[in-house]
Amino acid sequence: MTRPNKIFQDTTSYNLTIEKKDYEELKKFSTKESNTYNMQVSIADLIRTSVKLYLEDLRIEYGKEKGHTDSDRTTKWWYGIVVAKLSAVRIGIQDKEFVKRGHNIDYRVWVTCFVAKTQKACIDWLRDNMVMLDKRSQKYSVNVNQYKESIG
């Protein structure tokens, strides 16, 4: 049986050498993602997704240097996966009180939000949930001095 075609664009093959511990970790996450979303998610899928995210960040970073400010997009989708750059505080990774007291700052992290078998399903989900994603992608910030004065 041949492998199903997951990439509907022109492709090229590349041999990749990585540390065994990274491979084993990818293998664990691949199994978890497959079980969670009830569809096969290979190590190659995880690597391709990571490359896409990294390339997008590089485009944004180098675009800033050249004076291009296209947008710091916070939501992306491809091949049946929707990922979003969400506030660590707003999704519960980081404690809001640490940020309020000035001990820490909020940061945004890429999170898989939705997985489907078709791109159309991803687009539909994204359209229905864009307001929620926009709210959760805004960095949490407070005026630390005002907060400290208010709690005395």
Foldseek 3Di string as FASTA:
>chain_A
DDDDDLDPDDDDDDDDDDDPVVVVVLQVVQVVVCVVVVHHRDSVNVVVVVVVVVVLVVCCVVCVVVVHPPDPAFWDDDSFWIKGFFKCCLVPNDPPVCQLQVVDFIGTDIDTDGGDRDVVVVVVVCVVCVVVRVVGRDTDHDDNVVSVVVVD
